[in-house]
């Protein structure tokens, strides 16, 4: 018997959108009616012969399989095709080409406002959802109290859901989708509406569902949630799959879009460098203590990050700084250039190199991304911002002389400092039994 729950084969989706034709010469001349039509055409308010059809392909030849018990993340930037893919899998829309096969009962939570009848109460919507999923009333009865408790809406369970806040609505919708025993649960970014505590409950529930052999497809911009929940993730870009594999590697592929995942980035052509009217970024480098560019660094050794920039207009005070981010896209820390030579002082035009040293045994193992920023102060104006300009890999030692010590398992956290401990034996407990004579 096949273990596949979701099979997607070469799915493509085409939409026809109306776009404005270029205004023809003389459109605004002639009678008053023609002049009005010309104005409306220019504003995109005319239909028919004044508009032309253009093809839009939000998905192009997407293929993958997901098995029972897998919890898989789908990530991608806005417009990557995530929502279109979920609508096809949820049978809301049909693909133009290819096919999607679903094997099992599906629960979906795509967006606030879908799935429930607004005029019905929470209680009535729970039973309606169960019936739609093909459940018997006795099965729903057995799950009812658990759903209400999970959602935390007991006081409002007999209130029409149209009176619920968006948070209450999402809590109940997720509770219904997760507890009415679907073989497959499809969850979109809608969980962002809930508070942090509820989001954690949802992630724990989805993780439990995976361990019970159910399939979860989780779409989110919360990369930390994806890496914590999913062992596997699929990256969509421009409607196509660009990566399908371990979630941490998928996040690297996602964060590296538009910038090379290297430890050095230099702009030989100034016109292509991130720039403002006052300051232009010219290079960023990650270097080991021997002064060489390093893509992989030992957790125990210090590293140096260099930022070269050009001041184009003299007389401005600058505040160059770096953001260091982890694989989930979260800021580990921010470091500012507080060198007293230039702190709070107007800069003359010219080339500058700012350097910051990061000590060993501070960063945790994994990929670290470096983003560069430089505003002026008095007045404040951002000159450039470069997300994920460079990246480097921190590797931990198993020699026992890092913060890891003798432990070889996974160690979580954003930073991993080697801190000095002092432990003393205060007293040896006396034996409670008397020595034999």
Protein backbone atom coordinates (compact mmCIF):
# COMPACT_ATOMS: atom_id res chain seq x y z
CA UNK A 1 0.00 0.00 0.00
CA UNK A 2 1.37 3.42 -0.98
CA UNK A 3 2.41 5.79 1.80
CA UNK A 4 1.79 8.90 -0.34
CA UNK A 5 -0.80 11.39 0.95
CA UNK A 6 -0.23 14.27 -1.49
CA UNK A 7 1.05 13.84 -5.02
CA UNK A 8 1.56 16.91 -7.23
CA UNK A 9 2.58 16.29 -10.85
CA UNK A 10 3.64 19.15 -13.12
CA UNK A 11 1.00 21.56 -11.88
CA UNK A 12 0.70 24.88 -13.67
CA UNK A 13 -1.92 27.56 -13.20
CA UNK A 14 -2.76 30.33 -15.64
CA UNK A 15 -4.88 33.41 -15.04
CA UNK A 16 -5.92 35.92 -17.65
CA UNK A 17 -5.72 39.47 -16.38
CA UNK A 18 -6.93 42.64 -18.05
CA UNK A 19 -4.33 45.30 -18.69
CA UNK A 20 -4.73 48.76 -20.13
CA UNK A 21 -3.94 49.32 -23.79
CA UNK A 22 -1.73 52.22 -24.68
CA UNK A 23 -3.78 55.27 -25.48
CA UNK A 24 -4.03 55.81 -29.23
CA UNK A 25 -3.29 59.13 -30.80
CA UNK A 26 -6.35 61.35 -30.94
CA UNK A 27 -8.17 59.46 -28.18
CA UNK A 28 -8.74 62.64 -26.21
CA UNK A 29 -9.86 64.69 -29.22
CA UNK A 30 -13.23 64.87 -30.96
CA UNK A 31 -16.58 64.79 -29.23
CA UNK A 32 -17.08 65.14 -25.52
CA UNK A 33 -17.99 61.43 -25.25
CA UNK A 34 -14.72 60.39 -26.88
CA UNK A 35 -12.77 62.69 -24.63
CA UNK A 36 -14.40 61.11 -21.55
CA UNK A 37 -13.63 57.62 -22.88
CA UNK A 38 -10.04 58.67 -23.41
CA UNK A 39 -9.71 59.84 -19.81
CA UNK A 40 -11.33 56.66 -18.48
CA UNK A 41 -9.09 54.52 -20.66
CA UNK A 42 -6.01 56.25 -19.30
CA UNK A 43 -7.27 55.57 -15.77
CA UNK A 44 -7.87 51.87 -16.55
CA UNK A 45 -11.63 52.19 -16.04
CA UNK A 46 -12.76 51.22 -19.53
CA UNK A 47 -13.47 47.63 -20.48
CA UNK A 48 -13.94 45.78 -23.74
CA UNK A 49 -11.85 47.04 -26.63
CA UNK A 50 -9.93 49.40 -24.32
CA UNK A 51 -8.37 46.51 -22.37
CA UNK A 52 -6.21 43.62 -23.45
CA UNK A 53 -5.73 40.20 -21.87
CA UNK A 54 -2.38 39.11 -20.47
CA UNK A 55 -1.40 35.69 -19.15
CA UNK A 56 -0.19 35.31 -15.59
CA UNK A 57 1.33 31.99 -14.44
CA UNK A 58 1.55 31.89 -10.61
CA UNK A 59 2.57 28.20 -10.81
CA UNK A 60 4.77 26.52 -13.42
CA UNK A 61 5.45 22.76 -13.52
CA UNK A 62 5.40 22.15 -9.78
CA UNK A 63 5.92 18.53 -8.67
CA UNK A 64 6.43 16.84 -5.28
CA UNK A 65 5.14 14.05 -3.06
CA UNK A 66 4.36 14.11 0.66
CA UNK A 67 4.00 10.92 2.68
CA UNK A 68 2.02 9.96 5.77
CA UNK A 69 3.52 11.39 8.95
CA UNK A 70 5.46 14.14 7.19
CA UNK A 71 5.20 17.73 8.38
CA UNK A 72 6.32 19.82 5.41
CA UNK A 73 6.78 23.58 5.20
CA UNK A 74 6.14 25.69 2.11
CA UNK A 75 8.09 28.95 2.03
CA UNK A 76 8.59 31.67 -0.55
CA UNK A 77 8.29 35.39 -0.95
CA UNK A 78 5.04 37.16 -1.81
CA UNK A 79 3.98 36.18 -5.31
CA UNK A 80 5.92 32.91 -5.25
CA UNK A 81 2.75 30.85 -5.78
CA UNK A 82 2.10 29.52 -2.27
CA UNK A 83 -1.55 30.58 -2.00
CA UNK A 84 -2.36 29.33 -5.49
CA UNK A 85 -0.83 25.95 -4.66
CA UNK A 86 -2.88 25.64 -1.47
CA UNK A 87 -6.09 26.57 -3.28
CA UNK A 88 -5.45 23.79 -5.79
CA UNK A 89 -4.70 21.25 -3.06
CA UNK A 90 -7.83 22.36 -1.17
CA UNK A 91 -9.94 21.98 -4.34
CA UNK A 92 -10.86 25.67 -4.34
CA UNK A 93 -9.49 26.04 -7.85
CA UNK A 94 -8.33 23.68 -10.60
CA UNK A 95 -4.88 23.62 -12.21
CA UNK A 96 -4.52 24.65 -15.83
CA UNK A 97 -2.08 21.78 -16.44
CA UNK A 98 -0.94 18.81 -14.40
CA UNK A 99 -2.76 17.15 -11.55
CA UNK A 100 -2.87 17.02 -7.77
CA UNK A 101 -3.93 13.85 -5.97
CA UNK A 102 -5.00 13.85 -2.33
CA UNK A 103 -5.33 10.54 -0.49
CA UNK A 104 -7.28 11.03 2.72
CA UNK A 105 -9.60 13.38 4.54
CA UNK A 106 -8.38 16.98 4.38
CA UNK A 107 -8.74 19.78 6.90
CA UNK A 108 -7.78 23.25 5.69
CA UNK A 109 -7.19 26.57 7.38
CA UNK A 110 -6.32 29.07 4.69
CA UNK A 111 -7.50 32.49 5.78
CA UNK A 112 -9.69 34.26 8.31
CA UNK A 113 -13.31 34.25 7.20
CA UNK A 114 -13.38 30.93 5.35
CA UNK A 115 -14.69 27.57 6.51
CA UNK A 116 -17.41 28.74 8.90
CA UNK A 117 -20.92 30.03 8.27
CA UNK A 118 -21.00 33.49 9.91
CA UNK A 119 -24.63 33.25 11.01
CA UNK A 120 -24.13 29.96 12.84
CA UNK A 121 -22.78 29.69 16.38
CA UNK A 122 -19.42 28.19 17.24
CA UNK A 123 -21.16 25.00 18.37
CA UNK A 124 -23.13 24.72 15.14
CA UNK A 125 -20.04 25.34 13.02
CA UNK A 126 -18.12 22.61 14.82
CA UNK A 127 -20.82 20.07 13.96
CA UNK A 128 -21.20 21.39 10.41
CA UNK A 129 -17.45 21.09 9.83
CA UNK A 130 -17.45 17.54 11.15
CA UNK A 131 -20.35 16.53 8.91
CA UNK A 132 -18.57 18.02 5.88
CA UNK A 133 -15.53 15.90 6.78
CA UNK A 134 -17.76 12.82 6.79
CA UNK A 135 -17.81 12.28 10.55
CA UNK A 136 -20.68 10.86 12.55
CA UNK A 137 -22.35 12.92 15.27
CA UNK A 138 -21.03 10.58 17.96
CA UNK A 139 -17.48 11.15 16.70
CA UNK A 140 -17.96 14.93 16.87
CA UNK A 141 -19.51 14.64 20.35
CA UNK A 142 -16.41 12.83 21.52
CA UNK A 143 -14.14 15.64 20.28
CA UNK A 144 -16.34 18.62 21.12
CA UNK A 145 -15.07 19.49 24.62
CA UNK A 146 -11.46 19.08 23.53
CA UNK A 147 -11.99 21.49 20.62
CA UNK A 148 -13.64 24.14 22.78
CA UNK A 149 -10.97 23.88 25.47
CA UNK A 150 -8.15 24.13 22.93
CA UNK A 151 -9.71 27.21 21.30
CA UNK A 152 -10.52 28.89 24.63
CA UNK A 153 -13.95 30.10 23.46
CA UNK A 154 -16.24 28.30 25.92
CA UNK A 155 -18.02 31.55 26.90
CA UNK A 156 -18.86 32.29 23.29
CA UNK A 157 -19.53 28.82 21.91
CA UNK A 158 -23.23 29.60 21.43
CA UNK A 159 -22.57 33.03 19.88
CA UNK A 160 -22.67 33.47 16.08
CA UNK A 161 -19.09 33.44 14.81
CA UNK A 162 -19.68 36.68 12.91
CA UNK A 163 -19.34 38.36 16.33
CA UNK A 164 -15.98 36.71 17.05
CA UNK A 165 -12.73 38.64 16.92
CA UNK A 166 -10.25 37.49 14.30
CA UNK A 167 -8.19 35.82 17.04
CA UNK A 168 -11.17 33.89 18.41
CA UNK A 169 -12.17 32.86 14.91
CA UNK A 170 -8.72 31.52 14.10
CA UNK A 171 -8.42 29.68 17.41
CA UNK A 172 -11.70 27.87 16.84
CA UNK A 173 -10.98 27.20 13.16
CA UNK A 174 -7.61 25.64 13.93
CA UNK A 175 -9.01 23.62 16.82
CA UNK A 176 -11.71 22.21 14.54
CA UNK A 177 -9.29 21.47 11.72
CA UNK A 178 -6.76 19.76 13.98
CA UNK A 179 -9.08 17.79 16.25
CA UNK A 180 -11.63 16.36 13.83
CA UNK A 181 -9.06 13.77 12.79
CA UNK A 182 -8.17 14.70 9.21
CA UNK A 183 -5.50 12.55 7.58
CA UNK A 184 -4.12 15.75 6.02
CA UNK A 185 -4.04 19.24 7.54
CA UNK A 186 -3.23 22.25 5.35
CA UNK A 187 -2.44 25.43 7.29
CA UNK A 188 -1.66 28.85 5.82
CA UNK A 189 -0.14 31.98 7.37
CA UNK A 190 -3.45 32.60 9.15
CA UNK A 191 -1.88 31.50 12.46
CA UNK A 192 -0.08 34.84 12.56
CA UNK A 193 -3.36 36.31 13.82
CA UNK A 194 -3.13 34.37 17.06
CA UNK A 195 -1.03 35.32 20.09
CA UNK A 196 2.35 33.75 20.79
CA UNK A 197 1.01 31.28 23.35
CA UNK A 198 -1.66 30.00 20.99
CA UNK A 199 0.81 29.76 18.10
CA UNK A 200 2.97 27.52 20.29
CA UNK A 201 -0.06 25.34 21.05
CA UNK A 202 -0.75 25.04 17.33
CA UNK A 203 2.84 24.11 16.52
CA UNK A 204 2.86 21.48 19.27
CA UNK A 205 -0.43 20.08 17.99
CA UNK A 206 0.84 19.86 14.40
CA UNK A 207 4.02 18.18 15.60
CA UNK A 208 1.89 15.64 17.50
CA UNK A 209 -0.22 15.01 14.41
CA UNK A 210 2.92 14.19 12.44
CA UNK A 211 4.07 11.76 15.13
CA UNK A 212 0.65 10.08 14.90
CA UNK A 213 1.15 9.42 11.20
CA UNK A 214 -0.90 12.31 9.82
CA UNK A 215 0.33 14.70 7.17
CA UNK A 216 0.69 18.45 7.74
CA UNK A 217 1.41 21.05 5.08
CA UNK A 218 2.40 24.31 6.75
CA UNK A 219 2.81 27.59 4.85
CA UNK A 220 4.37 30.46 6.77
CA UNK A 221 6.73 33.42 6.63
CA UNK A 222 7.79 32.56 10.17
CA UNK A 223 11.00 30.75 9.28
CA UNK A 224 11.75 29.84 12.89
CA UNK A 225 8.38 28.06 13.12
CA UNK A 226 9.10 26.21 9.88
CA UNK A 227 12.51 24.98 11.03
CA UNK A 228 11.23 23.96 14.46
CA UNK A 229 8.13 22.18 13.17
CA UNK A 230 9.19 20.74 9.81
CA UNK A 231 11.99 18.36 8.98
CA UNK A 232 11.41 19.13 5.29
CA UNK A 233 10.50 22.33 3.43
CA UNK A 234 9.81 23.30 -0.17
CA UNK A 235 10.92 26.69 -1.48
CA UNK A 236 8.84 28.32 -4.22
CA UNK A 237 10.21 31.12 -6.35
CA UNK A 238 8.39 32.64 -9.31
CA UNK A 239 5.88 29.78 -9.33
CA UNK A 240 8.50 27.00 -9.44
CA UNK A 241 10.13 24.71 -6.89
CA UNK A 242 13.74 25.81 -6.39
CA UNK A 243 14.51 23.63 -3.37
CA UNK A 244 12.97 20.60 -1.67
CA UNK A 245 14.82 19.12 1.28
CA UNK A 246 15.79 19.62 4.95
CA UNK A 247 14.09 22.70 6.37
CA UNK A 248 17.28 24.42 7.57
CA UNK A 249 18.79 24.08 4.11
CA UNK A 250 15.52 25.34 2.62
CA UNK A 251 15.69 28.46 4.79
CA UNK A 252 19.23 29.08 3.56
CA UNK A 253 18.02 28.84 -0.03
CA UNK A 254 15.15 31.22 0.76
CA UNK A 255 17.31 33.79 2.57
CA UNK A 256 19.98 33.62 -0.11
CA UNK A 257 17.61 34.72 -2.89
CA UNK A 258 19.08 37.66 -4.75
CA UNK A 259 22.44 37.52 -2.95
CA UNK A 260 25.27 35.00 -3.13
CA UNK A 261 25.78 32.90 0.00
CA UNK A 262 29.45 33.86 0.23
CA UNK A 263 31.65 35.46 2.83
CA UNK A 264 32.60 38.37 0.57
CA UNK A 265 30.62 40.77 -1.59
CA UNK A 266 32.25 43.57 -3.56
CA UNK A 267 30.84 46.00 -6.10
CA UNK A 268 33.31 46.88 -8.81
CA UNK A 269 30.65 48.97 -10.55
CA UNK A 270 29.58 51.72 -8.12
CA UNK A 271 26.29 52.22 -9.97
CA UNK A 272 25.16 48.72 -8.92
CA UNK A 273 26.09 49.05 -5.24
CA UNK A 274 23.50 49.78 -2.52
CA UNK A 275 23.62 53.54 -2.17
CA UNK A 276 21.97 56.71 -1.02
CA UNK A 277 22.74 60.31 -1.86
CA UNK A 278 25.36 60.54 0.88
CA UNK A 279 26.87 57.05 1.36
CA UNK A 280 27.49 54.11 -0.96
CA UNK A 281 28.33 50.56 0.16
CA UNK A 282 31.37 49.13 -1.67
CA UNK A 283 32.27 45.80 -0.02
CA UNK A 284 31.57 43.44 2.90
CA UNK A 285 33.93 40.65 3.97
CA UNK A 286 34.07 37.99 6.67
CA UNK A 287 37.65 37.18 7.66
CA UNK A 288 39.35 34.71 9.95
CA UNK A 289 42.01 35.81 12.41
CA UNK A 290 44.70 35.15 9.76
CA UNK A 291 43.16 37.90 7.64
CA UNK A 292 41.78 35.60 4.93
CA UNK A 293 38.18 35.57 3.77
CA UNK A 294 36.46 32.66 5.53
CA UNK A 295 33.18 31.00 4.64
CA UNK A 296 33.58 28.43 7.43
CA UNK A 297 34.82 29.45 10.86
CA UNK A 298 35.65 27.49 14.00
CA UNK A 299 33.27 28.39 16.83
CA UNK A 300 36.28 28.84 19.15
CA UNK A 301 38.10 31.40 17.01
CA UNK A 302 37.36 35.13 16.57
CA UNK A 303 36.24 36.50 13.21
CA UNK A 304 36.32 39.98 11.72
CA UNK A 305 33.68 41.61 9.53
CA UNK A 306 34.77 44.48 7.29
CA UNK A 307 32.44 46.98 5.68
CA UNK A 308 33.84 49.33 3.02
CA UNK A 309 31.79 52.37 2.09
CA UNK A 310 32.20 55.65 0.29
CA UNK A 311 31.03 59.00 1.64
CA UNK A 312 29.88 60.97 -1.38
CA UNK A 313 28.79 64.20 0.31
CA UNK A 314 30.77 65.67 3.24
CA UNK A 315 29.34 67.08 6.45
CA UNK A 316 27.03 64.29 7.60
CA UNK A 317 27.12 62.23 10.80
CA UNK A 318 26.82 58.50 10.08
CA UNK A 319 25.78 55.44 12.06
CA UNK A 320 27.00 52.33 10.17
CA UNK A 321 25.82 49.08 11.73
CA UNK A 322 25.45 45.37 11.06
CA UNK A 323 22.65 42.91 11.78
CA UNK A 324 23.65 39.29 12.33
CA UNK A 325 20.81 36.86 11.66
CA UNK A 326 20.36 33.14 12.18
CA UNK A 327 18.99 30.55 9.77
CA UNK A 328 15.42 31.44 10.75
CA UNK A 329 15.94 35.06 9.73
CA UNK A 330 15.90 36.28 13.33
CA UNK A 331 18.33 38.92 14.54
CA UNK A 332 21.00 37.43 16.81
CA UNK A 333 22.37 40.86 17.65
CA UNK A 334 23.04 44.29 16.17
CA UNK A 335 26.45 45.95 16.35
CA UNK A 336 27.02 49.66 15.67
CA UNK A 337 30.21 51.49 14.72
CA UNK A 338 30.93 53.45 17.88
CA UNK A 339 34.59 54.18 17.12
CA UNK A 340 35.29 57.46 19.00
CA UNK A 341 37.29 58.75 16.04
CA UNK A 342 34.10 59.43 14.08
CA UNK A 343 31.28 58.94 16.58
CA UNK A 344 28.99 61.96 16.40
CA UNK A 345 31.32 63.81 14.02
CA UNK A 346 30.59 64.95 10.47
CA UNK A 347 32.51 62.89 7.91
CA UNK A 348 34.60 64.28 5.07
CA UNK A 349 34.07 62.68 1.66
CA UNK A 350 36.23 59.63 0.98
CA UNK A 351 36.53 55.86 1.40
CA UNK A 352 36.13 54.20 4.81
CA UNK A 353 36.57 50.70 6.18
CA UNK A 354 34.77 49.77 9.37
CA UNK A 355 35.88 46.57 11.14
CA UNK A 356 34.29 44.72 14.03
CA UNK A 357 35.68 41.62 15.74
CA UNK A 358 33.36 38.94 17.05
CA UNK A 359 35.01 36.82 19.75
CA UNK A 360 35.15 33.07 19.63
CA UNK A 361 32.63 31.01 21.57
CA UNK A 362 29.87 33.56 21.07
CA UNK A 363 27.87 32.57 18.00
CA UNK A 364 26.06 29.26 17.89
CA UNK A 365 26.80 26.74 15.16
CA UNK A 366 25.00 27.02 11.83
CA UNK A 367 24.74 29.65 9.12
CA UNK A 368 24.96 33.31 10.12
CA UNK A 369 23.82 36.02 7.71
CA UNK A 370 25.12 39.60 7.76
CA UNK A 371 22.99 42.58 6.76
CA UNK A 372 24.47 46.07 6.41
CA UNK A 373 22.83 49.41 7.16
CA UNK A 374 23.95 53.03 7.28
CA UNK A 375 21.71 55.96 8.17
CA UNK A 376 22.72 59.57 8.55
CA UNK A 377 21.75 61.37 11.74
CA UNK A 378 20.59 64.96 12.15
CA UNK A 379 18.67 64.57 9.84
CA UNK A 380 18.01 60.82 9.89
CA UNK A 381 18.01 59.26 6.44
CA UNK A 382 18.78 55.65 5.48
CA UNK A 383 21.51 55.53 2.86
CA UNK A 384 21.60 51.82 2.17
CA UNK A 385 20.23 48.65 3.61
CA UNK A 386 21.60 45.33 2.41
CA UNK A 387 19.76 42.25 3.72
CA UNK A 388 21.80 39.04 3.72
CA UNK A 389 24.79 40.61 1.97
CA UNK A 390 27.20 37.88 3.10
CA UNK A 391 27.00 34.65 5.08
CA UNK A 392 29.33 32.29 6.88
CA UNK A 393 29.10 28.91 8.54
CA UNK A 394 30.03 28.40 12.19
CA UNK A 395 31.16 24.87 13.03
CA UNK A 396 31.40 23.62 16.59
CA UNK A 397 34.20 21.49 17.96
CA UNK A 398 33.79 18.07 19.50
CA UNK A 399 37.13 18.37 21.27
CA UNK A 400 35.46 19.39 24.53
CA UNK A 401 36.98 22.88 24.75
CA UNK A 402 34.03 24.88 23.37
CA UNK A 403 30.78 25.74 25.14
CA UNK A 404 29.57 22.31 24.01
CA UNK A 405 31.89 20.59 26.48
CA UNK A 406 31.48 16.82 26.35
CA UNK A 407 27.90 16.96 25.03
CA UNK A 408 27.53 15.90 21.39
CA UNK A 409 23.80 16.40 20.86
CA UNK A 410 21.97 19.49 19.48
CA UNK A 411 22.39 22.69 21.50
CA UNK A 412 19.75 25.34 20.92
CA UNK A 413 19.95 29.09 21.27
CA UNK A 414 20.98 32.13 19.28
CA UNK A 415 24.42 32.53 20.89
CA UNK A 416 26.76 30.04 22.52
CA UNK A 417 29.13 31.83 24.88
CA UNK A 418 31.78 29.93 26.79
CA UNK A 419 31.20 31.34 30.27
CA UNK A 420 33.40 30.94 33.27
CA UNK A 421 31.92 28.86 36.08
CA UNK A 422 33.26 28.36 39.57
CA UNK A 423 31.97 25.40 41.55
CA UNK A 424 33.04 24.43 45.07
CA UNK A 425 32.39 21.40 47.17
CA UNK A 426 30.85 22.93 50.28
CA UNK A 427 30.32 19.85 52.43
CA UNK A 428 30.30 16.11 52.10
CA UNK A 429 27.10 14.68 53.49
CA UNK A 430 27.74 12.55 56.55
CA UNK A 431 26.76 8.91 56.39
CA UNK A 432 23.50 8.13 58.15
CA UNK A 433 24.59 4.64 59.09
CA UNK A 434 27.02 3.93 61.92
CA UNK A 435 30.21 2.08 61.09
CA UNK A 436 30.25 -1.59 62.08
CA UNK A 437 32.32 -2.49 65.13
